[in-house]
Amino acid sequence: MVSELEDIKSRFYIAKGRKIELERKKAHLEEKFENAKVRLSNAEQARAILQLVAKSTQSKLEYHIANLVTTALRSVFPEAPDFEVHFVERRNTTECDLLFKIDGEEYKPIESSGGGALDVASFALRVSRWSLNKNRPTLILDEPFRNVSPDLQNKVSEMVKLVSSEIKLQIIMISHAVEINTSADKIFLTTKEKGVSAINENNTIN
């Protein structure tokens, strides 16, 4: 009888110990769960803030880029399209759509305009990209306006000069079109004779 009682007491204390251990583990898991909920809530709030900041930054970028490119286009072409920039989510990544807007309709530039407008837009995009960092105040371009018609090349030259002056950007440009150079501060003529190249300053165009 005594041994049975001792056996019952032993099992009781073992069960009690297990109960205490299970309660301790339960409390630990509940604490981890609550901490995880807090971290999840903080992460969701941080993500929401980041999304707001990203949208705000994207909106500013859209305006900055679109305004600069549209201004460049309008300074050259009598009936220039508006330039639109849209940041969109595709396949869990952010992509940037660059579009021309004509009579309220948006088109891909390559589908809706001649090469001249594409050249001017491309130049303005390069300037816009530079203006975001401004790491080096020099932009080197090789025949950037090769597709602009001759009758508009003077306007292109004036536009490049204005951009250069306004944002303090030195633009070094190679071009075979004489009219493109009319507003340049300095012009250098490259010649080649008997396999030898020579570069001389030539401002007689102005």
N, C-alpha and C. Protein backbone atom coordinates (compact mmCIF):
# COMPACT_ATOMS: atom_id res chain seq x y z
N MET A 1 0.84 -1.21 0.00
CA MET A 1 0.00 0.00 0.00
C MET A 1 0.87 1.26 0.00
N VAL A 2 1.88 1.22 0.87
CA VAL A 2 2.78 2.37 0.95
C VAL A 2 3.53 2.56 -0.36
N SER A 3 3.99 1.45 -0.94
CA SER A 3 4.72 1.52 -2.20
C SER A 3 3.84 2.04 -3.33
N GLU A 4 2.57 1.67 -3.32
CA GLU A 4 1.65 2.18 -4.35
C GLU A 4 1.46 3.68 -4.21
N LEU A 5 1.36 4.12 -2.93
CA LEU A 5 1.19 5.55 -2.67
C LEU A 5 2.42 6.33 -3.13
N GLU A 6 3.60 5.76 -2.84
CA GLU A 6 4.84 6.41 -3.27
C GLU A 6 4.92 6.47 -4.79
N ASP A 7 4.45 5.42 -5.42
CA ASP A 7 4.46 5.37 -6.89
C ASP A 7 3.54 6.43 -7.48
N ILE A 8 2.36 6.57 -6.84
CA ILE A 8 1.39 7.58 -7.30
C ILE A 8 1.98 8.99 -7.11
N LYS A 9 2.61 9.20 -5.92
CA LYS A 9 3.22 10.50 -5.64
C LYS A 9 4.32 10.80 -6.66
N SER A 10 5.11 9.78 -6.97
CA SER A 10 6.20 9.96 -7.93
C SER A 10 5.66 10.34 -9.30
N ARG A 11 4.62 9.62 -9.74
CA ARG A 11 4.03 9.94 -11.05
C ARG A 11 3.41 11.34 -11.04
N PHE A 12 2.82 11.72 -9.89
CA PHE A 12 2.20 13.03 -9.75
C PHE A 12 3.24 14.14 -9.92
N TYR A 13 4.37 13.97 -9.21
CA TYR A 13 5.41 15.00 -9.29
C TYR A 13 6.04 15.05 -10.70
N ILE A 14 6.15 13.87 -11.31
CA ILE A 14 6.66 13.85 -12.69
C ILE A 14 5.71 14.59 -13.63
N ALA A 15 4.41 14.29 -13.47
CA ALA A 15 3.39 14.95 -14.30
C ALA A 15 3.36 16.45 -14.03
N LYS A 16 3.51 16.80 -12.72
CA LYS A 16 3.51 18.21 -12.35
C LYS A 16 4.71 18.92 -12.98
N GLY A 17 5.85 18.25 -12.96
CA GLY A 17 7.05 18.82 -13.57
C GLY A 17 6.87 19.01 -15.07
N ARG A 18 6.25 18.00 -15.70
CA ARG A 18 6.00 18.12 -17.14
C ARG A 18 5.05 19.28 -17.43
N LYS A 19 4.03 19.42 -16.54
CA LYS A 19 3.06 20.50 -16.71
C LYS A 19 3.75 21.86 -16.60
N ILE A 20 4.63 21.98 -15.61
CA ILE A 20 5.35 23.24 -15.43
C ILE A 20 6.23 23.54 -16.65
N GLU A 21 6.91 22.48 -17.16
CA GLU A 21 7.77 22.65 -18.33
C GLU A 21 6.95 23.04 -19.56
N LEU A 22 5.78 22.38 -19.73
CA LEU A 22 4.92 22.72 -20.86
C LEU A 22 4.39 24.14 -20.76
N GLU A 23 4.04 24.56 -19.54
CA GLU A 23 3.56 25.93 -19.34
C GLU A 23 4.67 26.94 -19.65
N ARG A 24 5.91 26.58 -19.26
CA ARG A 24 7.04 27.45 -19.55
C ARG A 24 7.26 27.58 -21.06
N LYS A 25 7.20 26.43 -21.75
CA LYS A 25 7.35 26.44 -23.20
C LYS A 25 6.22 27.21 -23.87
N LYS A 26 5.00 27.02 -23.32
CA LYS A 26 3.85 27.74 -23.87
C LYS A 26 4.03 29.24 -23.73
N ALA A 27 4.48 29.67 -22.53
CA ALA A 27 4.70 31.10 -22.29
C ALA A 27 5.79 31.64 -23.22
N HIS A 28 6.83 30.82 -23.44
CA HIS A 28 7.93 31.23 -24.32
C HIS A 28 7.44 31.38 -25.77
N LEU A 29 6.63 30.40 -26.22
CA LEU A 29 6.09 30.45 -27.57
C LEU A 29 5.13 31.62 -27.75
N GLU A 30 4.31 31.88 -26.71
CA GLU A 30 3.39 33.01 -26.78
C GLU A 30 4.16 34.32 -26.86
N GLU A 31 5.27 34.41 -26.12
CA GLU A 31 6.10 35.61 -26.16
C GLU A 31 6.72 35.79 -27.55
N LYS A 32 7.23 34.68 -28.12
CA LYS A 32 7.79 34.73 -29.46
C LYS A 32 6.74 35.13 -30.49
N PHE A 33 5.52 34.60 -30.31
CA PHE A 33 4.42 34.92 -31.22
C PHE A 33 4.09 36.41 -31.16
N GLU A 34 4.01 36.95 -29.94
CA GLU A 34 3.71 38.37 -29.78
C GLU A 34 4.82 39.24 -30.37
N ASN A 35 6.06 38.81 -30.14
CA ASN A 35 7.19 39.55 -30.72
C ASN A 35 7.15 39.52 -32.24
N ALA A 36 6.79 38.34 -32.78
CA ALA A 36 6.69 38.21 -34.23
C ALA A 36 5.59 39.10 -34.77
N LYS A 37 4.46 39.20 -34.05
CA LYS A 37 3.36 40.07 -34.47
C LYS A 37 3.81 41.53 -34.50
N VAL A 38 4.58 41.90 -33.47
CA VAL A 38 5.08 43.28 -33.40
C VAL A 38 6.03 43.56 -34.57
N ARG A 39 6.94 42.60 -34.82
CA ARG A 39 7.89 42.77 -35.93
C ARG A 39 7.16 42.84 -37.28
N LEU A 40 6.13 41.99 -37.43
CA LEU A 40 5.35 42.01 -38.66
C LEU A 40 4.64 43.34 -38.84
N SER A 41 4.07 43.84 -37.74
CA SER A 41 3.39 45.13 -37.79
C SER A 41 4.37 46.24 -38.14
N ASN A 42 5.55 46.19 -37.52
CA ASN A 42 6.57 47.21 -37.81
C ASN A 42 7.03 47.12 -39.26
N ALA A 43 7.19 45.88 -39.75
CA ALA A 43 7.62 45.68 -41.13
C ALA A 43 6.58 46.21 -42.11
N GLU A 44 5.29 45.96 -41.80
CA GLU A 44 4.22 46.43 -42.67
C GLU A 44 4.16 47.96 -42.68
N GLN A 45 4.36 48.55 -41.49
CA GLN A 45 4.38 50.01 -41.42
C GLN A 45 5.57 50.59 -42.19
N ALA A 46 6.73 49.93 -42.02
CA ALA A 46 7.93 50.39 -42.74
C ALA A 46 7.73 50.26 -44.25
N ARG A 47 7.12 49.14 -44.67
CA ARG A 47 6.88 48.95 -46.10
C ARG A 47 5.93 50.02 -46.63
N ALA A 48 4.90 50.32 -45.84
CA ALA A 48 3.94 51.35 -46.26
C ALA A 48 4.63 52.71 -46.40
N ILE A 49 5.52 53.01 -45.45
CA ILE A 49 6.26 54.27 -45.50
C ILE A 49 7.17 54.30 -46.72
N LEU A 50 7.88 53.18 -46.95
CA LEU A 50 8.77 53.09 -48.11
C LEU A 50 8.00 53.24 -49.42
N GLN A 51 6.81 52.65 -49.47
CA GLN A 51 5.99 52.76 -50.68
C GLN A 51 5.57 54.21 -50.92
N LEU A 52 5.21 54.90 -49.82
CA LEU A 52 4.83 56.31 -49.94
C LEU A 52 6.01 57.15 -50.41
N VAL A 53 7.18 56.89 -49.81
CA VAL A 53 8.38 57.62 -50.20
C VAL A 53 8.73 57.33 -51.66
N ALA A 54 8.63 56.03 -52.03
CA ALA A 54 8.95 55.64 -53.41
C ALA A 54 8.00 56.31 -54.39
N LYS A 55 6.70 56.32 -54.06
CA LYS A 55 5.73 56.95 -54.95
C LYS A 55 5.99 58.45 -55.07
N SER A 56 6.33 59.06 -53.92
CA SER A 56 6.63 60.49 -53.95
C SER A 56 7.86 60.77 -54.80
N THR A 57 8.90 59.93 -54.61
CA THR A 57 10.12 60.09 -55.40
C THR A 57 9.86 59.86 -56.88
N GLN A 58 9.07 58.83 -57.17
CA GLN A 58 8.75 58.52 -58.56
C GLN A 58 7.96 59.66 -59.20
N SER A 59 7.02 60.22 -58.44
CA SER A 59 6.23 61.34 -58.97
C SER A 59 7.11 62.54 -59.29
N LYS A 60 8.07 62.80 -58.39
CA LYS A 60 8.99 63.91 -58.63
C LYS A 60 9.87 63.63 -59.85
N LEU A 61 10.32 62.38 -59.97
CA LEU A 61 11.14 62.01 -61.12
C LEU A 61 10.33 62.12 -62.41
N GLU A 62 9.08 61.65 -62.36
CA GLU A 62 8.21 61.74 -63.54
C GLU A 62 8.09 63.18 -64.01
N TYR A 63 7.84 64.08 -63.06
CA TYR A 63 7.68 65.50 -63.41
C TYR A 63 8.99 66.08 -63.92
N HIS A 64 10.07 65.79 -63.21
CA HIS A 64 11.39 66.34 -63.58
C HIS A 64 11.79 65.93 -64.99
N ILE A 65 11.69 64.63 -65.27
CA ILE A 65 12.12 64.12 -66.58
C ILE A 65 11.17 64.60 -67.68
N ALA A 66 9.86 64.45 -67.43
CA ALA A 66 8.87 64.83 -68.45
C ALA A 66 8.96 66.31 -68.79
N ASN A 67 9.14 67.14 -67.78
CA ASN A 67 9.20 68.58 -68.01
C ASN A 67 10.43 68.96 -68.82
N LEU A 68 11.57 68.37 -68.49
CA LEU A 68 12.81 68.71 -69.20
C LEU A 68 12.75 68.27 -70.66
N VAL A 69 12.29 67.03 -70.89
CA VAL A 69 12.24 66.51 -72.26
C VAL A 69 11.20 67.26 -73.09
N THR A 70 10.04 67.53 -72.51
CA THR A 70 9.00 68.26 -73.23
C THR A 70 9.48 69.66 -73.61
N THR A 71 10.17 70.32 -72.68
CA THR A 71 10.71 71.66 -72.96
C THR A 71 11.70 71.62 -74.11
N ALA A 72 12.57 70.62 -74.11
CA ALA A 72 13.55 70.48 -75.19
C ALA A 72 12.86 70.25 -76.53
N LEU A 73 11.86 69.39 -76.55
CA LEU A 73 11.13 69.11 -77.79
C LEU A 73 10.42 70.35 -78.32
N ARG A 74 9.78 71.09 -77.42
CA ARG A 74 9.02 72.27 -77.85
C ARG A 74 9.93 73.39 -78.34
N SER A 75 11.16 73.42 -77.86
CA SER A 75 12.08 74.47 -78.29
C SER A 75 12.61 74.23 -79.70
N VAL A 76 12.40 73.01 -80.22
CA VAL A 76 12.91 72.66 -81.55
C VAL A 76 11.79 72.47 -82.57
N PHE A 77 10.74 71.77 -82.17
CA PHE A 77 9.70 71.38 -83.12
C PHE A 77 8.44 72.24 -82.96
N PRO A 78 7.89 72.73 -84.06
CA PRO A 78 6.68 73.57 -84.00
C PRO A 78 5.50 72.86 -83.35
N GLU A 79 5.31 71.60 -83.65
CA GLU A 79 4.20 70.84 -83.07
C GLU A 79 4.76 69.63 -82.32
N ALA A 80 5.48 69.91 -81.27
CA ALA A 80 6.15 68.85 -80.52
C ALA A 80 5.16 68.07 -79.65
N PRO A 81 5.36 66.77 -79.52
CA PRO A 81 4.53 65.99 -78.60
C PRO A 81 4.94 66.27 -77.16
N ASP A 82 4.03 66.00 -76.23
CA ASP A 82 4.40 66.03 -74.82
C ASP A 82 5.14 64.74 -74.50
N PHE A 83 6.02 64.81 -73.52
CA PHE A 83 6.75 63.62 -73.10
C PHE A 83 6.20 63.17 -71.76
N GLU A 84 5.84 61.90 -71.68
CA GLU A 84 5.25 61.35 -70.46
C GLU A 84 6.15 60.26 -69.87
N VAL A 85 6.22 60.24 -68.54
CA VAL A 85 6.99 59.21 -67.82
C VAL A 85 6.06 58.54 -66.81
N HIS A 86 5.99 57.23 -66.85
CA HIS A 86 5.15 56.48 -65.91
C HIS A 86 5.94 55.34 -65.28
N PHE A 87 5.99 55.32 -63.95
CA PHE A 87 6.56 54.17 -63.25
C PHE A 87 5.44 53.18 -62.97
N VAL A 88 5.62 51.94 -63.40
CA VAL A 88 4.58 50.92 -63.26
C VAL A 88 5.18 49.64 -62.68
N GLU A 89 4.32 48.88 -61.97
CA GLU A 89 4.73 47.60 -61.41
C GLU A 89 4.39 46.48 -62.39
N ARG A 90 5.40 45.73 -62.79
CA ARG A 90 5.20 44.57 -63.65
C ARG A 90 6.09 43.43 -63.15
N ARG A 91 5.48 42.27 -62.96
CA ARG A 91 6.24 41.08 -62.54
C ARG A 91 7.08 41.37 -61.30
N ASN A 92 6.44 42.07 -60.34
CA ASN A 92 7.08 42.37 -59.06
C ASN A 92 8.31 43.27 -59.18
N THR A 93 8.43 43.97 -60.28
CA THR A 93 9.52 44.94 -60.44
C THR A 93 8.95 46.25 -60.97
N THR A 94 9.64 47.34 -60.64
CA THR A 94 9.21 48.65 -61.11
C THR A 94 9.87 48.95 -62.45
N GLU A 95 9.04 49.27 -63.43
CA GLU A 95 9.54 49.62 -64.76
C GLU A 95 9.13 51.05 -65.10
N CYS A 96 9.87 51.64 -66.01
CA CYS A 96 9.60 53.03 -66.40
C CYS A 96 9.20 53.08 -67.87
N ASP A 97 7.99 53.58 -68.13
CA ASP A 97 7.50 53.74 -69.50
C ASP A 97 7.77 55.17 -69.96
N LEU A 98 8.41 55.31 -71.11
CA LEU A 98 8.68 56.62 -71.70
C LEU A 98 7.82 56.75 -72.95
N LEU A 99 6.95 57.76 -72.97
CA LEU A 99 5.94 57.85 -74.04
C LEU A 99 5.83 59.27 -74.59
N PHE A 100 5.42 59.36 -75.85
CA PHE A 100 5.01 60.63 -76.44
C PHE A 100 3.49 60.73 -76.33
N LYS A 101 3.01 61.92 -76.01
CA LYS A 101 1.57 62.14 -75.91
C LYS A 101 1.15 63.13 -77.00
N ILE A 102 0.30 62.67 -77.91
CA ILE A 102 -0.16 63.48 -79.03
C ILE A 102 -1.68 63.50 -79.05
N ASP A 103 -2.27 64.69 -78.94
CA ASP A 103 -3.73 64.83 -78.94
C ASP A 103 -4.38 63.93 -77.89
N GLY A 104 -3.77 63.87 -76.72
CA GLY A 104 -4.35 63.11 -75.61
C GLY A 104 -4.07 61.62 -75.64
N GLU A 105 -3.45 61.13 -76.70
CA GLU A 105 -3.14 59.70 -76.81
C GLU A 105 -1.64 59.47 -76.61
N GLU A 106 -1.32 58.39 -75.87
CA GLU A 106 0.07 58.07 -75.60
C GLU A 106 0.59 57.00 -76.56
N TYR A 107 1.81 57.21 -77.04
CA TYR A 107 2.42 56.28 -77.98
C TYR A 107 3.88 56.04 -77.59
N LYS A 108 4.38 54.89 -78.00
CA LYS A 108 5.81 54.66 -77.86
C LYS A 108 6.53 55.58 -78.84
N PRO A 109 7.57 56.28 -78.41
CA PRO A 109 8.23 57.25 -79.29
C PRO A 109 8.64 56.70 -80.64
N ILE A 110 9.15 55.49 -80.66
CA ILE A 110 9.63 54.92 -81.92
C ILE A 110 8.50 54.65 -82.90
N GLU A 111 7.25 54.58 -82.38
CA GLU A 111 6.10 54.28 -83.23
C GLU A 111 5.36 55.54 -83.67
N SER A 112 5.69 56.67 -83.07
CA SER A 112 4.84 57.83 -83.29
C SER A 112 5.57 59.06 -83.81
N SER A 113 6.86 58.96 -84.00
CA SER A 113 7.58 60.18 -84.38
C SER A 113 8.79 59.85 -85.24
N GLY A 114 9.30 60.89 -85.90
CA GLY A 114 10.49 60.71 -86.72
C GLY A 114 11.74 60.65 -85.86
N GLY A 115 12.86 60.38 -86.52
CA GLY A 115 14.11 60.24 -85.80
C GLY A 115 14.59 61.51 -85.14
N GLY A 116 14.23 62.67 -85.70
CA GLY A 116 14.66 63.93 -85.11
C GLY A 116 14.14 64.12 -83.70
N ALA A 117 12.86 63.87 -83.50
CA ALA A 117 12.26 64.00 -82.17
C ALA A 117 12.89 63.00 -81.20
N LEU A 118 13.18 61.80 -81.68
CA LEU A 118 13.83 60.80 -80.84
C LEU A 118 15.22 61.27 -80.43
N ASP A 119 15.95 61.89 -81.34
CA ASP A 119 17.28 62.40 -81.02
C ASP A 119 17.21 63.46 -79.93
N VAL A 120 16.28 64.39 -80.07
CA VAL A 120 16.15 65.46 -79.08
C VAL A 120 15.72 64.90 -77.73
N ALA A 121 14.76 63.97 -77.74
CA ALA A 121 14.31 63.35 -76.49
C ALA A 121 15.44 62.58 -75.83
N SER A 122 16.22 61.87 -76.63
CA SER A 122 17.35 61.11 -76.10
C SER A 122 18.38 62.03 -75.45
N PHE A 123 18.67 63.15 -76.10
CA PHE A 123 19.59 64.13 -75.53
C PHE A 123 19.07 64.65 -74.19
N ALA A 124 17.79 65.03 -74.17
CA ALA A 124 17.21 65.57 -72.94
C ALA A 124 17.19 64.53 -71.82
N LEU A 125 16.98 63.27 -72.16
CA LEU A 125 17.01 62.20 -71.16
C LEU A 125 18.41 62.05 -70.57
N ARG A 126 19.42 62.17 -71.40
CA ARG A 126 20.80 62.08 -70.90
C ARG A 126 21.09 63.24 -69.95
N VAL A 127 20.64 64.42 -70.32
CA VAL A 127 20.84 65.58 -69.47
C VAL A 127 20.07 65.40 -68.16
N SER A 128 18.85 64.89 -68.26
CA SER A 128 18.04 64.66 -67.07
C SER A 128 18.71 63.67 -66.13
N ARG A 129 19.24 62.60 -66.70
CA ARG A 129 19.95 61.61 -65.88
C ARG A 129 21.16 62.24 -65.20
N TRP A 130 21.90 63.05 -65.95
CA TRP A 130 23.07 63.72 -65.37
C TRP A 130 22.65 64.63 -64.22
N SER A 131 21.56 65.34 -64.39
CA SER A 131 21.13 66.32 -63.39
C SER A 131 20.73 65.69 -62.07
N LEU A 132 20.44 64.38 -62.07
CA LEU A 132 20.08 63.70 -60.83
C LEU A 132 21.29 63.47 -59.94
N ASN A 133 22.48 63.33 -60.54
CA ASN A 133 23.70 63.07 -59.76
C ASN A 133 24.70 64.22 -59.84
N LYS A 134 24.82 64.80 -61.02
CA LYS A 134 25.76 65.90 -61.25
C LYS A 134 27.17 65.54 -60.79
N ASN A 135 27.60 64.34 -61.13
CA ASN A 135 28.91 63.91 -60.68
C ASN A 135 30.05 64.56 -61.47
N ARG A 136 29.88 64.68 -62.78
CA ARG A 136 30.88 65.36 -63.59
C ARG A 136 30.17 66.37 -64.50
N PRO A 137 30.64 67.61 -64.50
CA PRO A 137 29.92 68.65 -65.27
C PRO A 137 30.24 68.64 -66.76
N THR A 138 30.42 67.47 -67.33
CA THR A 138 30.75 67.37 -68.75
C THR A 138 29.99 66.22 -69.39
N LEU A 139 29.42 66.48 -70.55
CA LEU A 139 28.70 65.45 -71.30
C LEU A 139 29.32 65.38 -72.70
N ILE A 140 29.76 64.19 -73.10
CA ILE A 140 30.38 64.00 -74.41
C ILE A 140 29.43 63.22 -75.31
N LEU A 141 29.12 63.79 -76.47
CA LEU A 141 28.13 63.19 -77.37
C LEU A 141 28.69 63.07 -78.79
N ASP A 142 28.36 61.98 -79.45
CA ASP A 142 28.82 61.75 -80.82
C ASP A 142 27.61 61.75 -81.77
N GLU A 143 27.52 62.79 -82.58
CA GLU A 143 26.43 62.93 -83.55
C GLU A 143 25.05 62.70 -82.91
N PRO A 144 24.73 63.42 -81.83
CA PRO A 144 23.47 63.16 -81.13
C PRO A 144 22.22 63.58 -81.90
N PHE A 145 22.38 64.46 -82.90
CA PHE A 145 21.21 64.97 -83.63
C PHE A 145 21.30 64.64 -85.12
N ARG A 146 21.80 63.48 -85.43
CA ARG A 146 22.03 63.11 -86.84
C ARG A 146 20.73 63.02 -87.64
N ASN A 147 19.59 62.82 -86.95
CA ASN A 147 18.32 62.66 -87.67
C ASN A 147 17.47 63.92 -87.71
N VAL A 148 17.97 65.00 -87.13
CA VAL A 148 17.21 66.26 -87.15
C VAL A 148 17.36 66.90 -88.53
N SER A 149 16.25 67.34 -89.10
CA SER A 149 16.27 67.92 -90.44
C SER A 149 17.08 69.22 -90.45
N PRO A 150 17.73 69.55 -91.58
CA PRO A 150 18.60 70.73 -91.66
C PRO A 150 17.92 72.03 -91.24
N ASP A 151 16.63 72.20 -91.56
CA ASP A 151 15.96 73.45 -91.25
C ASP A 151 15.72 73.65 -89.75
N LEU A 152 15.92 72.61 -88.95
CA LEU A 152 15.70 72.72 -87.50
C LEU A 152 17.01 72.66 -86.70
N GLN A 153 18.12 72.53 -87.40
CA GLN A 153 19.39 72.36 -86.69
C GLN A 153 19.83 73.61 -85.94
N ASN A 154 19.48 74.79 -86.46
CA ASN A 154 19.78 76.02 -85.72
C ASN A 154 19.05 76.05 -84.38
N LYS A 155 17.80 75.61 -84.39
CA LYS A 155 17.04 75.57 -83.14
C LYS A 155 17.63 74.57 -82.16
N VAL A 156 18.09 73.45 -82.69
CA VAL A 156 18.75 72.46 -81.83
C VAL A 156 19.99 73.08 -81.18
N SER A 157 20.77 73.79 -81.97
CA SER A 157 21.98 74.43 -81.46
C SER A 157 21.65 75.42 -80.34
N GLU A 158 20.60 76.20 -80.54
CA GLU A 158 20.17 77.16 -79.52
C GLU A 158 19.69 76.44 -78.26
N MET A 159 18.97 75.33 -78.44
CA MET A 159 18.48 74.55 -77.30
C MET A 159 19.63 73.97 -76.48
N VAL A 160 20.63 73.42 -77.16
CA VAL A 160 21.80 72.86 -76.47
C VAL A 160 22.53 73.96 -75.69
N LYS A 161 22.69 75.11 -76.31
CA LYS A 161 23.35 76.24 -75.66
C LYS A 161 22.59 76.67 -74.40
N LEU A 162 21.27 76.74 -74.50
CA LEU A 162 20.45 77.14 -73.37
C LEU A 162 20.56 76.14 -72.23
N VAL A 163 20.46 74.85 -72.55
CA VAL A 163 20.58 73.81 -71.53
C VAL A 163 21.94 73.89 -70.84
N SER A 164 22.99 74.03 -71.64
CA SER A 164 24.34 74.10 -71.10
C SER A 164 24.51 75.27 -70.14
N SER A 165 23.96 76.42 -70.52
CA SER A 165 24.08 77.62 -69.69
C SER A 165 23.24 77.53 -68.42
N GLU A 166 22.02 77.02 -68.55
CA GLU A 166 21.09 76.99 -67.43
C GLU A 166 21.56 76.06 -66.31
N ILE A 167 22.08 74.90 -66.66
CA ILE A 167 22.43 73.92 -65.62
C ILE A 167 23.94 73.78 -65.44
N LYS A 168 24.70 74.68 -66.05
CA LYS A 168 26.17 74.70 -65.90
C LYS A 168 26.78 73.35 -66.30
N LEU A 169 26.43 72.89 -67.48
CA LEU A 169 26.92 71.61 -67.99
C LEU A 169 27.72 71.85 -69.27
N GLN A 170 28.97 71.43 -69.27
CA GLN A 170 29.79 71.53 -70.47
C GLN A 170 29.43 70.39 -71.41
N ILE A 171 29.10 70.72 -72.64
CA ILE A 171 28.72 69.70 -73.62
C ILE A 171 29.74 69.70 -74.75
N ILE A 172 30.41 68.59 -74.89
CA ILE A 172 31.37 68.39 -75.99
C ILE A 172 30.69 67.50 -77.01
N MET A 173 30.49 68.04 -78.21
CA MET A 173 29.67 67.34 -79.19
C MET A 173 30.38 67.23 -80.53
N ILE A 174 30.37 66.04 -81.07
CA ILE A 174 30.91 65.79 -82.41
C ILE A 174 29.76 65.85 -83.41
N SER A 175 29.93 66.63 -84.48
CA SER A 175 28.86 66.73 -85.47
C SER A 175 29.43 67.13 -86.83
N HIS A 176 28.86 66.54 -87.87
CA HIS A 176 29.23 66.92 -89.24
C HIS A 176 28.32 68.04 -89.76
N ALA A 177 27.23 68.30 -89.04
CA ALA A 177 26.27 69.32 -89.48
C ALA A 177 26.74 70.70 -89.01
N VAL A 178 27.02 71.57 -89.95
CA VAL A 178 27.55 72.90 -89.61
C VAL A 178 26.56 73.69 -88.76
N GLU A 179 25.27 73.62 -89.11
CA GLU A 179 24.26 74.42 -88.41
C GLU A 179 24.13 74.04 -86.93
N ILE A 180 24.44 72.80 -86.60
CA ILE A 180 24.36 72.36 -85.20
C ILE A 180 25.35 73.13 -84.33
N ASN A 181 26.43 73.61 -84.93
CA ASN A 181 27.51 74.25 -84.16
C ASN A 181 27.35 75.75 -84.00
N THR A 182 26.32 76.34 -84.57
CA THR A 182 26.25 77.81 -84.64
C THR A 182 26.22 78.50 -83.28
N SER A 183 25.70 77.84 -82.26
CA SER A 183 25.62 78.47 -80.93
C SER A 183 26.73 78.01 -79.99
N ALA A 184 27.67 77.24 -80.52
CA ALA A 184 28.75 76.71 -79.67
C ALA A 184 29.69 77.81 -79.22
N ASP A 185 30.22 77.70 -78.00
CA ASP A 185 31.21 78.66 -77.52
C ASP A 185 32.53 78.52 -78.28
N LYS A 186 32.89 77.28 -78.54
CA LYS A 186 34.11 77.01 -79.30
C LYS A 186 33.87 75.89 -80.30
N ILE A 187 34.49 76.03 -81.47
CA ILE A 187 34.35 75.02 -82.51
C ILE A 187 35.75 74.58 -82.95
N PHE A 188 35.94 73.29 -83.01
CA PHE A 188 37.21 72.75 -83.47
C PHE A 188 36.96 71.92 -84.73
N LEU A 189 37.76 72.17 -85.74
CA LEU A 189 37.62 71.48 -87.01
C LEU A 189 38.68 70.39 -87.11
N THR A 190 38.23 69.19 -87.38
CA THR A 190 39.14 68.06 -87.54
C THR A 190 39.33 67.75 -89.02
N THR A 191 40.55 67.72 -89.44
CA THR A 191 40.86 67.38 -90.84
C THR A 191 41.86 66.23 -90.87
N LYS A 192 41.88 65.57 -92.01
CA LYS A 192 42.81 64.45 -92.17
C LYS A 192 43.46 64.53 -93.54
N GLU A 193 44.76 64.58 -93.54
CA GLU A 193 45.50 64.68 -94.80
C GLU A 193 46.69 63.72 -94.78
N LYS A 194 46.75 62.86 -95.81
CA LYS A 194 47.81 61.86 -95.91
C LYS A 194 47.90 61.00 -94.65
N GLY A 195 46.73 60.66 -94.14
CA GLY A 195 46.67 59.77 -92.98
C GLY A 195 46.95 60.44 -91.65
N VAL A 196 47.15 61.75 -91.66
CA VAL A 196 47.46 62.48 -90.42
C VAL A 196 46.28 63.38 -90.07
N SER A 197 45.78 63.25 -88.85
CA SER A 197 44.66 64.07 -88.39
C SER A 197 45.16 65.34 -87.73
N ALA A 198 44.42 66.41 -87.94
CA ALA A 198 44.77 67.70 -87.32
C ALA A 198 43.51 68.33 -86.76
N ILE A 199 43.64 68.96 -85.61
CA ILE A 199 42.51 69.63 -84.97
C ILE A 199 42.86 71.09 -84.77
N ASN A 200 42.02 71.97 -85.31
CA ASN A 200 42.26 73.41 -85.19
C ASN A 200 40.98 74.12 -84.77
N GLU A 201 41.16 75.16 -83.96
CA GLU A 201 40.00 75.94 -83.56
C GLU A 201 39.50 76.73 -84.75
N ASN A 202 38.17 76.71 -84.94
CA ASN A 202 37.59 77.37 -86.10
C ASN A 202 36.25 77.96 -85.70
N ASN A 203 36.23 79.25 -85.42
CA ASN A 203 35.00 79.91 -85.02
C ASN A 203 34.43 80.81 -86.12
N THR A 204 34.84 80.60 -87.34
CA THR A 204 34.37 81.44 -88.45
C THR A 204 32.90 81.23 -88.74
N ILE A 205 32.34 80.09 -88.26
CA ILE A 205 30.91 79.82 -88.49
C ILE A 205 30.07 80.89 -87.84
N ASN A 206 30.50 81.33 -86.65
CA ASN A 206 29.72 82.33 -85.94
C ASN A 206 29.97 83.73 -86.49
